[in-house]
Amino acid sequence: MNIGDRIPEVLGIDQDGREIKASDYRGRKLVIYSYPKANTSGCTAEACSLQAHKEELAAAGYEIIGVSKDKQALQKKFADAHGLQFPLIADTETTLLQELGCWGEKVTCGRKTIGILRTTYLVDENGIIEKIFTPKEIKTKIHAEQILNAIKDKSQNDNSQHNIQSHRWNTPCGRTAVQRIWRGVCHYRTLHKERESETPRYPHRRPDGNLHARICRPCACHGCGETEGHRG
């Protein structure tokens, strides 16, 4: 999956046997991270980093969900051993991993293998992916700090864009650009009506000497006996 894609509705079964769905988190943001193997050094460091900063992530509006190919029993043992207080999905069939795009070819100890690519997805309140941490970007021991820094940067960028837009749409005299544009439109309409009212309107005669039935503006040639829009 790429930035802008919507995550699947059914995410899988966690360590406690609960079915986890995207709709369960409607209105909340998510950190969904995939890890190769429970209870290994790198995956333990990553999980502990996230658990240690769980409250900070929650304050920023984010819930955590982990996913690996491990069986439910191993996920349960992993969570209990390290006090992990968030769902760990046992995706033994790699359904979610493949849908997310974090199952594929990788190099392990100099050998090409097929397996889980350590990846993290930041998902907004509507289930849309807004940022992806690739395997080369993730530092397991400080991964939570990486996520928090990304969230902070995004917030600052959003505020900066808002301030730029506010400055752009407000003039020094306090009138917004939209108001100025509308004022110009109204002025143009008024001026156009005034010019129309000043245009002389009088009857013209046909070549046979009869007056037109309708009163029209004179044509550009003036006095040719025709009227604009009523020739012949």
Protein backbone atom coordinates (compact mmCIF):
# COMPACT_ATOMS: atom_id res chain seq x y z
CA MET A 1 0.00 0.00 0.00
CA ASN A 2 1.01 3.59 -0.57
CA ILE A 3 0.35 6.93 1.10
CA GLY A 4 -3.27 7.87 0.42
CA ASP A 5 -4.54 4.27 0.39
CA ARG A 6 -7.17 3.01 2.82
CA ILE A 7 -6.23 0.17 5.15
CA PRO A 8 -8.32 -3.05 5.04
CA GLU A 9 -11.41 -3.23 7.24
CA VAL A 10 -10.54 -6.62 8.80
CA LEU A 11 -7.03 -6.54 10.26
CA GLY A 12 -6.97 -9.97 11.95
CA ILE A 13 -6.98 -11.77 15.29
CA ASP A 14 -4.85 -10.47 18.14
CA GLN A 15 -3.01 -12.29 20.98
CA ASP A 16 -6.21 -12.46 23.05
CA GLY A 17 -8.33 -13.94 20.26
CA ARG A 18 -10.18 -10.70 19.47
CA GLU A 19 -10.97 -9.75 15.90
CA ILE A 20 -9.46 -6.35 15.16
CA LYS A 21 -11.19 -4.13 12.60
CA ALA A 22 -10.33 -0.70 11.24
CA SER A 23 -13.83 0.51 12.12
CA ASP A 24 -13.08 -0.22 15.80
CA TYR A 25 -10.72 2.77 15.66
CA ARG A 26 -12.95 5.14 13.71
CA GLY A 27 -12.10 8.70 14.68
CA ARG A 28 -8.70 7.69 16.06
CA LYS A 29 -5.31 7.52 14.37
CA LEU A 30 -3.21 4.38 14.18
CA VAL A 31 0.39 3.25 14.24
CA ILE A 32 0.40 -0.12 12.46
CA TYR A 33 3.81 -1.74 12.47
CA SER A 34 4.98 -5.07 11.09
CA TYR A 35 7.85 -6.98 12.68
CA PRO A 36 9.58 -10.16 11.49
CA LYS A 37 9.58 -12.34 14.62
CA ALA A 38 8.31 -12.05 18.19
CA ASN A 39 10.86 -12.29 21.01
CA THR A 40 13.85 -11.56 18.80
CA SER A 41 16.20 -8.77 19.82
CA GLY A 42 15.23 -6.19 17.18
CA CYS A 43 11.50 -6.81 17.45
CA THR A 44 11.63 -6.72 21.24
CA ALA A 45 13.51 -3.40 21.20
CA GLU A 46 10.96 -1.94 18.78
CA ALA A 47 7.95 -3.15 20.77
CA CYS A 48 9.40 -1.90 24.06
CA SER A 49 10.12 1.50 22.51
CA LEU A 50 6.50 1.80 21.43
CA GLN A 51 5.19 0.63 24.81
CA ALA A 52 7.42 3.12 26.64
CA HIS A 53 5.97 6.00 24.61
CA LYS A 54 2.42 4.66 24.38
CA GLU A 55 0.98 7.52 26.46
CA GLU A 56 2.71 10.16 24.35
CA LEU A 57 1.38 8.57 21.18
CA ALA A 58 -2.10 8.41 22.73
CA ALA A 59 -1.86 12.11 23.60
CA ALA A 60 -1.18 12.76 19.91
CA GLY A 61 -4.28 10.69 19.06
CA TYR A 62 -2.57 7.45 18.00
CA GLU A 63 -3.28 3.83 18.95
CA ILE A 64 -0.72 1.06 18.32
CA ILE A 65 -1.27 -2.23 16.48
CA GLY A 66 1.51 -4.73 15.77
CA VAL A 67 1.40 -7.53 13.20
CA SER A 68 3.62 -10.49 12.39
CA LYS A 69 3.33 -14.04 11.06
CA ASP A 70 3.67 -15.51 14.56
CA LYS A 71 0.94 -17.71 16.00
CA GLN A 72 -1.50 -16.36 18.56
CA ALA A 73 0.13 -18.23 21.45
CA LEU A 74 3.55 -16.75 20.69
CA GLN A 75 2.08 -13.26 20.34
CA LYS A 76 0.45 -13.71 23.75
CA LYS A 77 3.72 -14.87 25.31
CA PHE A 78 5.56 -11.94 23.70
CA ALA A 79 3.03 -9.39 24.99
CA ASP A 80 3.00 -10.83 28.52
CA ALA A 81 6.79 -11.07 28.74
CA HIS A 82 7.31 -7.40 27.92
CA GLY A 83 4.09 -5.83 29.23
CA LEU A 84 2.86 -4.82 25.77
CA GLN A 85 -0.55 -3.20 26.14
CA PHE A 86 -1.64 -3.09 22.52
CA PRO A 87 -2.93 -5.65 20.00
CA LEU A 88 -0.46 -7.97 18.27
CA ILE A 89 -2.12 -9.54 15.25
CA ALA A 90 -1.26 -13.16 14.50
CA ASP A 91 -1.31 -13.02 10.70
CA THR A 92 -0.26 -16.62 10.13
CA GLU A 93 -1.60 -16.63 6.55
CA THR A 94 0.13 -13.28 5.80
CA THR A 95 -3.18 -11.87 4.54
CA LEU A 96 -2.80 -8.45 6.14
CA LEU A 97 0.95 -8.37 5.59
CA GLN A 98 0.47 -8.86 1.85
CA GLU A 99 -2.35 -6.33 1.66
CA LEU A 100 -0.20 -3.74 3.42
CA GLY A 101 2.72 -4.52 1.13
CA CYS A 102 5.18 -5.53 3.87
CA TRP A 103 5.59 -9.14 2.76
CA GLY A 104 8.19 -9.71 0.08
CA GLU A 105 11.75 -10.34 -0.87
CA LYS A 106 14.54 -9.27 1.47
CA VAL A 107 18.19 -10.05 2.13
CA THR A 108 18.99 -11.89 5.38
CA CYS A 109 22.59 -12.80 6.19
CA GLY A 110 23.52 -12.31 2.56
CA ARG A 111 20.70 -14.56 1.30
CA LYS A 112 17.55 -13.51 -0.51
CA THR A 113 14.45 -14.73 1.25
CA ILE A 114 10.72 -14.04 1.29
CA GLY A 115 9.41 -12.68 4.55
CA ILE A 116 8.16 -9.74 6.57
CA LEU A 117 9.60 -6.32 5.77
CA ARG A 118 9.82 -4.25 8.95
CA THR A 119 7.48 -1.35 8.12
CA THR A 120 5.40 1.20 10.01
CA TYR A 121 2.25 2.94 8.75
CA LEU A 122 0.77 6.08 10.25
CA VAL A 123 -2.96 6.07 9.54
CA ASP A 124 -5.36 9.00 9.96
CA GLU A 125 -8.83 9.05 11.53
CA ASN A 126 -10.44 7.91 8.27
CA GLY A 127 -8.22 4.88 7.79
CA ILE A 128 -6.01 6.55 5.18
CA ILE A 129 -2.25 5.98 5.25
CA GLU A 130 -0.49 9.32 5.73
CA LYS A 131 3.12 8.19 6.25
CA ILE A 132 5.22 5.05 5.79
CA PHE A 133 8.48 4.17 7.52
CA THR A 134 10.45 1.77 5.31
CA PRO A 135 12.80 -0.94 6.68
CA LYS A 136 15.91 1.20 6.07
CA GLU A 137 14.40 4.14 7.97
CA ILE A 138 13.42 2.28 11.12
CA LYS A 139 15.74 2.28 14.14
CA THR A 140 14.17 -0.28 16.46
CA LYS A 141 15.52 1.07 19.77
CA ILE A 142 14.22 4.59 19.18
CA HIS A 143 11.38 3.92 16.75
CA ALA A 144 8.74 5.55 18.96
CA GLU A 145 10.81 8.74 19.02
CA GLN A 146 11.03 8.60 15.23
CA ILE A 147 7.24 8.40 15.02
CA LEU A 148 6.71 11.22 17.52
CA ASN A 149 9.16 13.43 15.61
CA ALA A 150 7.30 12.72 12.36
CA ILE A 151 3.99 13.59 14.02
CA LYS A 152 5.48 16.81 15.40
CA ASP A 153 6.91 17.77 11.99
CA LYS A 154 3.56 17.13 10.33
CA SER A 155 1.76 19.25 12.90
CA GLN A 156 4.21 22.11 12.41
CA ASN A 157 3.88 21.88 8.63
CA ASP A 158 0.09 21.92 8.90
CA ASN A 159 0.20 24.98 11.14
CA SER A 160 2.66 26.68 8.81
CA GLN A 161 0.42 26.03 5.79
CA HIS A 162 -2.57 27.37 7.72
CA ASN A 163 -0.70 30.55 8.63
CA ILE A 164 0.46 31.03 5.03
CA GLN A 165 -3.09 30.64 3.74
CA SER A 166 -4.41 33.05 6.39
CA HIS A 167 -1.77 35.64 5.49
CA ARG A 168 -2.37 35.14 1.78
CA TRP A 169 -6.11 35.66 2.02
CA ASN A 170 -6.03 38.70 4.32
CA THR A 171 -5.05 42.17 3.18
CA PRO A 172 -3.41 44.77 5.44
CA CYS A 173 -6.68 46.63 5.82
CA GLY A 174 -8.31 43.49 7.19
CA ARG A 175 -10.50 42.76 4.17
CA THR A 176 -10.07 39.24 2.83
CA ALA A 177 -9.16 38.69 -0.77
CA VAL A 178 -12.47 36.93 -1.36
CA GLN A 179 -14.33 40.00 -0.15
CA ARG A 180 -12.23 42.21 -2.39
CA ILE A 181 -12.93 40.00 -5.40
CA TRP A 182 -16.67 40.04 -4.69
CA ARG A 183 -16.57 43.82 -4.27
CA GLY A 184 -14.90 44.09 -7.68
CA VAL A 185 -17.56 41.88 -9.25
CA CYS A 186 -20.33 44.00 -7.77
CA HIS A 187 -18.60 47.16 -8.97
CA TYR A 188 -18.32 45.72 -12.48
CA ARG A 189 -21.99 44.79 -12.54
CA THR A 190 -23.02 48.26 -11.39
CA LEU A 191 -20.80 49.95 -13.95
CA HIS A 192 -22.09 47.71 -16.73
CA LYS A 193 -25.71 48.51 -15.87
CA GLU A 194 -24.94 52.25 -15.83
CA ARG A 195 -23.39 52.05 -19.30
CA GLU A 196 -26.36 50.11 -20.61
CA SER A 197 -28.75 52.73 -19.27
CA GLU A 198 -26.71 55.49 -20.99
CA THR A 199 -26.82 53.78 -24.42
CA PRO A 200 -29.34 55.58 -26.71
CA ARG A 201 -32.16 53.37 -27.90
CA TYR A 202 -34.33 54.44 -30.83
CA PRO A 203 -36.28 52.86 -33.71
CA HIS A 204 -34.74 52.16 -37.12
CA ARG A 205 -36.43 52.00 -40.45
CA ARG A 206 -36.19 49.10 -42.87
CA PRO A 207 -35.35 49.81 -46.49
CA ASP A 208 -39.11 49.70 -47.24
CA GLY A 209 -39.65 52.64 -44.88
CA ASN A 210 -41.44 50.67 -42.15
CA LEU A 211 -40.33 50.92 -38.57
CA HIS A 212 -38.98 47.87 -36.81
CA ALA A 213 -41.44 46.21 -34.51
CA ARG A 214 -38.70 46.02 -31.85
CA ILE A 215 -36.51 48.81 -30.57
CA CYS A 216 -32.83 47.86 -30.84
CA ARG A 217 -29.43 49.40 -30.45
CA PRO A 218 -27.96 50.79 -33.70
CA CYS A 219 -25.49 48.58 -35.54
CA ALA A 220 -21.87 49.58 -36.04
CA CYS A 221 -22.41 51.06 -39.51
CA HIS A 222 -25.05 53.60 -38.31
CA GLY A 223 -27.70 54.55 -40.81
CA CYS A 224 -27.49 51.53 -43.11
CA GLY A 225 -31.12 50.76 -42.50
CA GLU A 226 -30.35 47.56 -40.60
CA THR A 227 -30.25 46.90 -36.88
CA GLU A 228 -27.90 44.67 -34.98
CA GLY A 229 -29.39 41.19 -34.58
CA HIS A 230 -32.32 41.92 -36.96
CA ARG A 231 -30.85 41.95 -40.47
CA GLY A 232 -33.14 41.33 -43.44
